[in-house]
Amino acid sequence: MIWQNYIDQSLQTIEISDSISDVKAAFKASKFNHLPVFKNGNFKGSIHLDDILELNSEKKLTEYKYLLEVFYVEIHKTNLDLIHEFANHQTNMLPILDEHKNFVGVMNLEHVLDLFGETPFVANEGEVMILKKERTKFSFSEVAQLIETLNARVSGMYVNDLSQETVEVTVKVERQGLNEILQTFRRYDYQIVSEHPDDLFAEDLKEHSNYLNKYLDI
C-alpha cells in the first residue's frame, strides 16, 4: 500500500497570528498532540498540545513562536522514514511537504500503523523467531539460506537490536513448526531469544533442570 494515498488534507490550519484561545479550540477539535502552524499559508513548524495548555488565552501564538518544533516528512520518503519521524518526535501527526517544501497535508499515526499491519510481514501466516549472534559473524544471506535449505521461506526480517558486539533480528518464516529450524540455527551459533512451544531443545533443558533441582533437594 502507498502511504501517500492516505495524506489528510482536511485538517484545520493554525496561523501564527491566531490567539492561544483559537489554538486551544483547534486542539480540542483534533485528535493530535501536535498541530501544524502557518504564516500566510507557509508552513513554519508544529506546536505541541502540552506547550499551550497553561498559556494566556488572550495572547497571540506569535508571542510563543519559540515553542514551534520544525519536523516533517517529504512526500517521496518511505514508510520507514515515517515511522522513524513519528518515534523521534513522539507525535501522532506528521506534516508532509513536497519537493519544494510546500505543505501537502498530514499523516495520522493510526493510518501508518494500519498500513504496516497490511504488509506481508505482518498479515501473512507464519512463525516468528528472534535470533541473536555476534555482529562480526552475522549474515542476512546465511539466515535466509539456512531457512530455505529446510524447505521454508522467509517472509521478512528486521533488526530490532544492534550493538558493537551483537545483532538481534526478528525473522518471519512461512512454515508451521520451527523445531528443526531452531536446532539448525543453534548449530550455527545463533542464540534463540524467542520462546517456542515446539522447541525440543528448550524442553530438554527444562527437563534436565527439573531433574537437577529434584536431585539437589534430596
Protein backbone atom coordinates (compact mmCIF):
# COMPACT_ATOMS: atom_id res chain seq x y z
CA MET A 1 0.00 0.00 0.00
CA ILE A 2 1.22 3.52 -0.84
CA TRP A 3 1.18 5.78 2.21
CA GLN A 4 0.87 8.91 0.08
CA ASN A 5 -2.73 7.90 -0.68
CA TYR A 6 -3.60 8.43 2.99
CA ILE A 7 -2.43 12.03 3.39
CA ASP A 8 -5.08 14.06 5.23
CA GLN A 9 -5.66 17.44 3.58
CA SER A 10 -8.73 18.37 5.63
CA LEU A 11 -7.03 19.35 8.89
CA GLN A 12 -7.92 22.75 10.30
CA THR A 13 -4.88 25.01 9.94
CA ILE A 14 -3.40 27.32 12.58
CA GLU A 15 -1.89 30.69 11.73
CA ILE A 16 0.95 32.12 13.79
CA SER A 17 -1.26 35.21 14.26
CA ASP A 18 -4.08 33.19 15.87
CA SER A 19 -4.90 33.66 19.53
CA ILE A 20 -3.98 30.98 22.04
CA SER A 21 -7.71 30.57 22.60
CA ASP A 22 -8.16 29.65 18.92
CA VAL A 23 -5.22 27.24 19.08
CA LYS A 24 -6.71 25.50 22.12
CA ALA A 25 -10.02 25.21 20.28
CA ALA A 26 -8.24 23.68 17.28
CA PHE A 27 -6.63 21.06 19.53
CA LYS A 28 -9.98 20.32 21.14
CA ALA A 29 -11.45 19.60 17.71
CA SER A 30 -8.44 17.43 16.81
CA LYS A 31 -7.12 14.07 17.97
CA PHE A 32 -3.47 15.05 17.51
CA ASN A 33 -0.85 16.02 20.08
CA HIS A 34 0.83 18.33 17.54
CA LEU A 35 -0.74 20.71 15.03
CA PRO A 36 1.00 22.45 12.09
CA VAL A 37 1.38 26.22 12.22
CA PHE A 38 1.49 28.58 9.21
CA LYS A 39 2.37 32.17 8.38
CA ASN A 40 0.47 33.48 5.39
CA GLY A 41 -0.04 29.90 4.25
CA ASN A 42 3.61 28.89 4.62
CA PHE A 43 4.45 26.03 7.00
CA LYS A 44 6.52 27.22 9.96
CA GLY A 45 6.54 24.23 12.29
CA SER A 46 4.27 22.40 14.75
CA ILE A 47 3.06 23.22 18.22
CA HIS A 48 2.57 20.59 20.95
CA LEU A 49 -0.65 20.47 22.97
CA ASP A 50 1.18 20.37 26.31
CA ASP A 51 3.05 23.57 25.47
CA ILE A 52 -0.08 25.72 25.12
CA LEU A 53 -2.24 24.43 27.97
CA GLU A 54 -1.01 26.96 30.54
CA LEU A 55 -0.56 29.89 28.17
CA ASN A 56 -2.65 33.08 28.39
CA SER A 57 -5.62 32.51 26.07
CA GLU A 58 -5.80 36.23 25.25
CA LYS A 59 -2.32 36.36 23.74
CA LYS A 60 -1.27 35.53 20.18
CA LEU A 61 0.69 32.45 19.18
CA THR A 62 3.28 34.71 17.57
CA GLU A 63 4.45 35.65 21.08
CA TYR A 64 5.35 32.00 21.65
CA LYS A 65 6.86 31.09 18.29
CA TYR A 66 9.92 29.72 20.11
CA LEU A 67 7.70 26.76 21.04
CA LEU A 68 7.38 25.66 17.42
CA GLU A 69 9.09 22.38 16.50
CA VAL A 70 10.20 22.06 12.89
CA PHE A 71 9.85 18.49 11.70
CA TYR A 72 8.21 16.99 8.63
CA VAL A 73 8.49 14.21 6.04
CA GLU A 74 8.93 14.84 2.34
CA ILE A 75 6.38 13.20 0.10
CA HIS A 76 8.92 10.94 -1.66
CA LYS A 77 10.07 9.23 1.57
CA THR A 78 9.31 5.63 2.59
CA ASN A 79 7.11 4.02 5.25
CA LEU A 80 10.20 3.51 7.43
CA ASP A 81 11.02 7.22 7.24
CA LEU A 82 7.52 7.95 8.53
CA ILE A 83 7.80 5.53 11.43
CA HIS A 84 11.24 6.93 12.35
CA GLU A 85 9.91 10.51 12.48
CA PHE A 86 6.80 9.53 14.46
CA ALA A 87 9.01 7.84 17.06
CA ASN A 88 11.72 10.52 17.06
CA HIS A 89 9.26 13.33 17.80
CA GLN A 90 6.79 11.40 19.98
CA THR A 91 3.92 12.60 17.83
CA ASN A 92 0.80 11.15 16.24
CA MET A 93 0.79 13.72 13.40
CA LEU A 94 3.43 14.35 10.73
CA PRO A 95 3.36 17.32 8.34
CA ILE A 96 4.03 16.24 4.74
CA LEU A 97 5.87 18.60 2.38
CA ASP A 98 6.53 18.33 -1.35
CA GLU A 99 9.92 18.65 -3.03
CA HIS A 100 9.62 22.46 -2.89
CA LYS A 101 8.88 22.42 0.85
CA ASN A 102 5.24 23.30 0.25
CA PHE A 103 2.74 21.85 2.73
CA VAL A 104 0.71 18.96 1.29
CA GLY A 105 -1.18 17.63 4.33
CA VAL A 106 -0.58 15.47 7.39
CA MET A 107 -0.17 11.78 8.14
CA ASN A 108 -2.01 10.18 11.02
CA LEU A 109 -0.01 7.64 13.05
CA GLU A 110 -3.03 5.30 13.15
CA HIS A 111 -3.10 5.15 9.34
CA VAL A 112 0.61 4.34 9.15
CA LEU A 113 0.23 1.52 11.69
CA ASP A 114 -2.76 0.19 9.71
CA LEU A 115 -0.65 0.21 6.55
CA PHE A 116 2.17 -1.61 8.33
CA GLY A 117 -0.36 -4.18 9.54
CA GLU A 118 -1.34 -4.89 5.93
CA THR A 119 2.21 -5.71 4.83
CA PRO A 120 3.01 -9.38 4.12
CA PHE A 121 5.44 -9.42 7.05
CA VAL A 122 2.57 -8.81 9.48
CA ALA A 123 -0.51 -10.04 7.62
CA ASN A 124 0.73 -13.35 6.17
CA GLU A 125 0.56 -16.58 8.16
CA GLY A 126 3.83 -17.87 9.54
CA GLU A 127 6.09 -18.37 12.55
CA VAL A 128 8.19 -15.62 14.13
CA MET A 129 11.54 -16.13 15.84
CA ILE A 130 14.14 -13.79 17.29
CA LEU A 131 17.79 -14.65 16.65
CA LYS A 132 20.96 -13.19 18.15
CA LYS A 133 24.56 -13.58 17.04
CA GLU A 134 27.96 -11.90 17.19
CA ARG A 135 27.90 -8.91 14.87
CA THR A 136 31.08 -9.87 13.02
CA LYS A 137 29.66 -13.33 12.28
CA PHE A 138 26.10 -12.33 11.39
CA SER A 139 24.85 -12.53 7.80
CA PHE A 140 21.34 -11.94 6.43
CA SER A 141 22.14 -14.20 3.49
CA GLU A 142 23.13 -17.01 5.85
CA VAL A 143 19.86 -16.67 7.79
CA ALA A 144 17.84 -16.89 4.57
CA GLN A 145 19.94 -19.80 3.25
CA LEU A 146 19.58 -21.87 6.42
CA ILE A 147 15.82 -21.42 6.35
CA GLU A 148 15.45 -22.19 2.65
CA THR A 149 17.57 -25.35 2.88
CA LEU A 150 14.85 -26.70 5.21
CA ASN A 151 12.13 -26.10 2.61
CA ALA A 152 10.80 -22.99 4.35
CA ARG A 153 10.59 -19.40 3.10
CA VAL A 154 11.44 -16.07 4.69
CA SER A 155 8.52 -13.60 4.83
CA GLY A 156 10.67 -10.82 6.23
CA MET A 157 13.45 -9.79 8.60
CA TYR A 158 14.26 -6.70 10.56
CA VAL A 159 16.94 -5.71 13.05
CA ASN A 160 15.44 -4.96 16.46
CA ASP A 161 18.70 -4.52 18.37
CA LEU A 162 22.22 -3.65 17.24
CA SER A 163 25.32 -3.15 19.39
CA GLN A 164 29.06 -3.23 18.85
CA GLU A 165 29.10 -6.91 19.84
CA THR A 166 25.82 -8.47 18.69
CA VAL A 167 22.92 -8.29 16.24
CA GLU A 168 19.37 -9.29 17.15
CA VAL A 169 16.87 -9.88 14.33
CA THR A 170 13.22 -10.82 14.10
CA VAL A 171 12.51 -13.34 11.33
CA LYS A 172 9.13 -14.47 10.00
CA VAL A 173 9.06 -17.87 8.32
CA GLU A 174 6.37 -19.40 6.10
CA ARG A 175 6.21 -22.77 7.79
CA GLN A 176 4.33 -24.43 10.61
CA GLY A 177 6.65 -25.79 13.29
CA LEU A 178 10.08 -24.34 13.91
CA ASN A 179 11.90 -27.05 15.87
CA GLU A 180 14.11 -28.22 13.00
CA ILE A 181 14.91 -24.63 12.01
CA LEU A 182 15.75 -23.65 15.59
CA GLN A 183 18.12 -26.59 16.01
CA THR A 184 19.85 -25.68 12.75
CA PHE A 185 20.43 -22.11 13.87
CA ARG A 186 21.85 -23.32 17.18
CA ARG A 187 24.35 -25.46 15.28
CA TYR A 188 25.49 -22.27 13.54
CA ASP A 189 25.95 -20.43 16.87
CA TYR A 190 22.77 -18.38 16.81
CA GLN A 191 21.08 -17.72 20.14
CA ILE A 192 17.30 -18.22 20.11
CA VAL A 193 15.91 -15.26 22.05
CA SER A 194 12.22 -16.03 21.49
CA GLU A 195 10.38 -18.91 23.17
CA HIS A 196 8.55 -21.60 21.20
CA PRO A 197 6.24 -24.37 22.42
CA ASP A 198 7.67 -26.84 19.90
CA ASP A 199 11.32 -26.15 20.76
CA LEU A 200 12.52 -29.61 21.82
CA PHE A 201 15.93 -28.28 22.86
CA ALA A 202 14.34 -25.88 25.34
CA GLU A 203 12.09 -28.65 26.63
CA ASP A 204 15.12 -30.92 27.17
CA LEU A 205 16.87 -28.17 29.10
CA LYS A 206 13.80 -27.66 31.25
CA GLU A 207 13.54 -31.38 31.99
CA HIS A 208 17.23 -31.59 32.92
CA SER A 209 16.87 -28.52 35.12
CA ASN A 210 13.88 -30.02 36.91
CA TYR A 211 15.75 -33.29 37.40
CA LEU A 212 18.76 -31.46 38.80
CA ASN A 213 16.60 -29.44 41.19
CA LYS A 214 14.96 -32.63 42.47
CA TYR A 215 18.38 -34.25 42.94
CA LEU A 216 19.68 -31.23 44.89
CA ASP A 217 16.60 -31.28 47.11
CA ILE A 218 17.27 -34.85 48.21
